Each structure stands twice: as C-alpha cells, then as structure tokens.
Amino acid sequence: APHPLFDIVGQDLEIVVPVSPWEAALGAKVTVPTLKESILLTIPPGSQAGQRLRVKGKGLVSKKQTGDLYAVLKIVMPPKPDENTAALWQQLADAQSSFDPRKDWGKA
C-alpha cells in the first residue's frame, strides 16, 4: 500500500510540502516529517510551486546507501479573502504590475 505522506523513488523519498504564498515569497522555516523525526526545512525566498528541495540522508536506508528526501513545494492559497486581505493582494498586484507569469507563452 502506498505511504500516506511519501512517494518512494528508489532509495529516495518525496513529500509534498504545502506552503503559503508569503512563505514562498519571503522564505520560511517549516516543520516537515521524515521517516524517523520531523526536521526544520528552510524554504528559500522566491520559491516556486513544484520546486524540489533536497534533504540529504533522510530517505530510505539500506546496507549499501541512504537515500535523500525531496520536498516538493505546493503553494496553497488561503480561503476567500476578506476585504482587508483583498486590499493587500491588490496592493501587491499594483506594485508588481509589470510581472507577467505567462510572458513565455509568446503572442497568440
């Protein structure tokens, strides 16, 4: 049966780590479970959804080698924003008005 938290890839483990938009943007330290104990994972500022962070030596252990843990970031939006939160998102949108996440699509 599959593990509820980890995918196994060879000796390595992969876990999806939910982070808030501000943790991804500003960086954070988040508690992440491993097979033996929880660790404090550093999320670098400017992290992207799907980014893989390697934690050496926290995968499966065999006689020949120890695998690594790969934390795959998943950015999770908070529930529908209230008026104050929506205003903050709008300020951010205005401050970053030149940013186009779809610029690489080219012109249709």
C-alpha atoms as a PDB file:
ATOM      1  CA  ALA A   1       0.000   0.000   0.000  1.00  0.00           C
ATOM      2  CA  PRO A   2       1.290   3.499  -0.738  1.00  0.00           C
ATOM      3  CA  HIS A   3       2.507   5.620   2.164  1.00  0.00           C
ATOM      4  CA  PRO A   4       0.104   8.473   3.037  1.00  0.00           C
ATOM      5  CA  LEU A   5       2.875  11.129   3.037  1.00  0.00           C
ATOM      6  CA  PHE A   6       5.803   9.834   0.994  1.00  0.00           C
ATOM      7  CA  ASP A   7       6.343   8.622  -2.549  1.00  0.00           C
ATOM      8  CA  ILE A   8       9.264   6.218  -2.877  1.00  0.00           C
ATOM      9  CA  VAL A   9      11.660   6.659  -5.805  1.00  0.00           C
ATOM     10  CA  GLY A  10      14.490   4.127  -5.467  1.00  0.00           C
ATOM     11  CA  GLN A  11      16.144   4.946  -2.130  1.00  0.00           C
ATOM     12  CA  ASP A  12      14.740   8.477  -2.135  1.00  0.00           C
ATOM     13  CA  LEU A  13      11.542   9.742  -0.584  1.00  0.00           C
ATOM     14  CA  GLU A  14       9.405  12.550  -1.956  1.00  0.00           C
ATOM     15  CA  ILE A  15       6.919  14.561   0.105  1.00  0.00           C
ATOM     16  CA  VAL A  16       4.627  17.382  -0.982  1.00  0.00           C
ATOM     17  CA  VAL A  17       5.065  20.339   1.388  1.00  0.00           C
ATOM     18  CA  PRO A  18       2.185  22.843   1.436  1.00  0.00           C
ATOM     19  CA  VAL A  19       3.369  26.448   1.873  1.00  0.00           C
ATOM     20  CA  SER A  20       1.538  29.760   1.921  1.00  0.00           C
ATOM     21  CA  PRO A  21       2.172  32.339  -0.814  1.00  0.00           C
ATOM     22  CA  TRP A  22       4.036  34.568   1.665  1.00  0.00           C
ATOM     23  CA  GLU A  23       6.231  31.675   2.859  1.00  0.00           C
ATOM     24  CA  ALA A  24       7.180  31.008  -0.777  1.00  0.00           C
ATOM     25  CA  ALA A  25       7.779  34.697  -1.495  1.00  0.00           C
ATOM     26  CA  LEU A  26       9.601  35.682   1.694  1.00  0.00           C
ATOM     27  CA  GLY A  27      11.170  32.394   2.744  1.00  0.00           C
ATOM     28  CA  ALA A  28      10.372  30.441   5.892  1.00  0.00           C
ATOM     29  CA  LYS A  29      11.335  27.550   8.098  1.00  0.00           C
ATOM     30  CA  VAL A  30       8.667  24.834   8.189  1.00  0.00           C
ATOM     31  CA  THR A  31       8.454  21.556  10.086  1.00  0.00           C
ATOM     32  CA  VAL A  32       8.464  18.555   7.738  1.00  0.00           C
ATOM     33  CA  PRO A  33       8.064  14.906   8.783  1.00  0.00           C
ATOM     34  CA  THR A  34      10.652  12.300   7.804  1.00  0.00           C
ATOM     35  CA  LEU A  35      10.513   8.557   8.483  1.00  0.00           C
ATOM     36  CA  LYS A  36      12.328   8.985  11.812  1.00  0.00           C
ATOM     37  CA  GLU A  37      11.625  12.506  13.082  1.00  0.00           C
ATOM     38  CA  SER A  38      10.473  15.930  11.995  1.00  0.00           C
ATOM     39  CA  ILE A  39      13.011  18.375  10.586  1.00  0.00           C
ATOM     40  CA  LEU A  40      13.041  22.128  10.071  1.00  0.00           C
ATOM     41  CA  LEU A  41      13.161  22.774   6.320  1.00  0.00           C
ATOM     42  CA  THR A  42      14.354  26.142   5.034  1.00  0.00           C
ATOM     43  CA  ILE A  43      12.160  27.485   2.239  1.00  0.00           C
ATOM     44  CA  PRO A  44      14.309  29.998   0.297  1.00  0.00           C
ATOM     45  CA  PRO A  45      12.820  33.396  -0.612  1.00  0.00           C
ATOM     46  CA  GLY A  46      11.320  33.414  -4.104  1.00  0.00           C
ATOM     47  CA  SER A  47      10.473  29.699  -4.070  1.00  0.00           C
ATOM     48  CA  GLN A  48       8.198  28.389  -6.822  1.00  0.00           C
ATOM     49  CA  ALA A  49       5.399  25.826  -6.845  1.00  0.00           C
ATOM     50  CA  GLY A  50       6.821  22.431  -7.784  1.00  0.00           C
ATOM     51  CA  GLN A  51      10.340  23.370  -6.664  1.00  0.00           C
ATOM     52  CA  ARG A  52      12.211  20.367  -5.215  1.00  0.00           C
ATOM     53  CA  LEU A  53      14.370  20.879  -2.128  1.00  0.00           C
ATOM     54  CA  ARG A  54      16.813  18.078  -1.309  1.00  0.00           C
ATOM     55  CA  VAL A  55      17.414  16.964   2.274  1.00  0.00           C
ATOM     56  CA  LYS A  56      20.470  14.718   2.142  1.00  0.00           C
ATOM     57  CA  GLY A  57      20.387  11.426   4.023  1.00  0.00           C
ATOM     58  CA  LYS A  58      16.705  11.492   5.032  1.00  0.00           C
ATOM     59  CA  GLY A  59      15.480   8.849   2.573  1.00  0.00           C
ATOM     60  CA  LEU A  60      15.389   5.072   2.833  1.00  0.00           C
ATOM     61  CA  VAL A  61      18.344   3.315   4.459  1.00  0.00           C
ATOM     62  CA  SER A  62      19.863   0.100   3.104  1.00  0.00           C
ATOM     63  CA  LYS A  63      23.161  -1.661   3.719  1.00  0.00           C
ATOM     64  CA  LYS A  64      24.618  -0.049   0.600  1.00  0.00           C
ATOM     65  CA  GLN A  65      23.290   3.507   0.722  1.00  0.00           C
ATOM     66  CA  THR A  66      20.990   6.055   2.286  1.00  0.00           C
ATOM     67  CA  GLY A  67      18.582   7.933   0.069  1.00  0.00           C
ATOM     68  CA  ASP A  68      17.554  11.565   0.231  1.00  0.00           C
ATOM     69  CA  LEU A  69      14.264  13.288   0.986  1.00  0.00           C
ATOM     70  CA  TYR A  70      12.903  15.604  -1.696  1.00  0.00           C
ATOM     71  CA  ALA A  71      10.428  18.217  -0.510  1.00  0.00           C
ATOM     72  CA  VAL A  72       8.209  19.358  -3.395  1.00  0.00           C
ATOM     73  CA  LEU A  73       6.649  22.741  -2.688  1.00  0.00           C
ATOM     74  CA  LYS A  74       2.919  23.222  -3.188  1.00  0.00           C
ATOM     75  CA  ILE A  75       1.700  26.794  -2.798  1.00  0.00           C
ATOM     76  CA  VAL A  76      -1.685  26.821  -1.078  1.00  0.00           C
ATOM     77  CA  MET A  77      -3.910  29.875  -1.209  1.00  0.00           C
ATOM     78  CA  PRO A  78      -5.875  30.872   1.886  1.00  0.00           C
ATOM     79  CA  PRO A  79      -9.677  30.724   1.701  1.00  0.00           C
ATOM     80  CA  LYS A  80     -11.610  33.525   0.013  1.00  0.00           C
ATOM     81  CA  PRO A  81     -10.026  36.779   1.227  1.00  0.00           C
ATOM     82  CA  ASP A  82     -11.866  39.258   3.403  1.00  0.00           C
ATOM     83  CA  GLU A  83     -11.912  42.937   2.436  1.00  0.00           C
ATOM     84  CA  ASN A  84      -8.601  43.797   4.151  1.00  0.00           C
ATOM     85  CA  THR A  85      -6.775  40.820   2.669  1.00  0.00           C
ATOM     86  CA  ALA A  86      -8.169  41.534  -0.800  1.00  0.00           C
ATOM     87  CA  ALA A  87      -6.877  45.115  -0.498  1.00  0.00           C
ATOM     88  CA  LEU A  88      -3.394  43.804   0.374  1.00  0.00           C
ATOM     89  CA  TRP A  89      -3.439  41.447  -2.645  1.00  0.00           C
ATOM     90  CA  GLN A  90      -4.493  44.407  -4.822  1.00  0.00           C
ATOM     91  CA  GLN A  91      -1.572  46.486  -3.468  1.00  0.00           C
ATOM     92  CA  LEU A  92       0.775  43.640  -4.361  1.00  0.00           C
ATOM     93  CA  ALA A  93      -0.759  43.345  -7.843  1.00  0.00           C
ATOM     94  CA  ASP A  94      -0.350  47.099  -8.378  1.00  0.00           C
ATOM     95  CA  ALA A  95       3.271  47.057  -7.140  1.00  0.00           C
ATOM     96  CA  GLN A  96       4.089  44.165  -9.487  1.00  0.00           C
ATOM     97  CA  SER A  97       2.029  45.354 -12.471  1.00  0.00           C
ATOM     98  CA  SER A  98       4.841  44.634 -14.955  1.00  0.00           C
ATOM     99  CA  PHE A  99       5.101  40.978 -13.867  1.00  0.00           C
ATOM    100  CA  ASP A 100       3.530  38.584 -16.371  1.00  0.00           C
ATOM    101  CA  PRO A 101       3.669  34.923 -15.335  1.00  0.00           C
ATOM    102  CA  ARG A 102       2.594  33.926 -18.862  1.00  0.00           C
ATOM    103  CA  LYS A 103       5.158  36.017 -20.792  1.00  0.00           C
ATOM    104  CA  ASP A 104       6.881  32.884 -22.108  1.00  0.00           C
ATOM    105  CA  TRP A 105       3.746  31.863 -23.984  1.00  0.00           C
ATOM    106  CA  GLY A 106       4.517  34.420 -26.667  1.00  0.00           C
ATOM    107  CA  LYS A 107       1.872  36.155 -28.694  1.00  0.00           C
ATOM    108  CA  ALA A 108      -1.064  34.139 -29.944  1.00  0.00           C
END
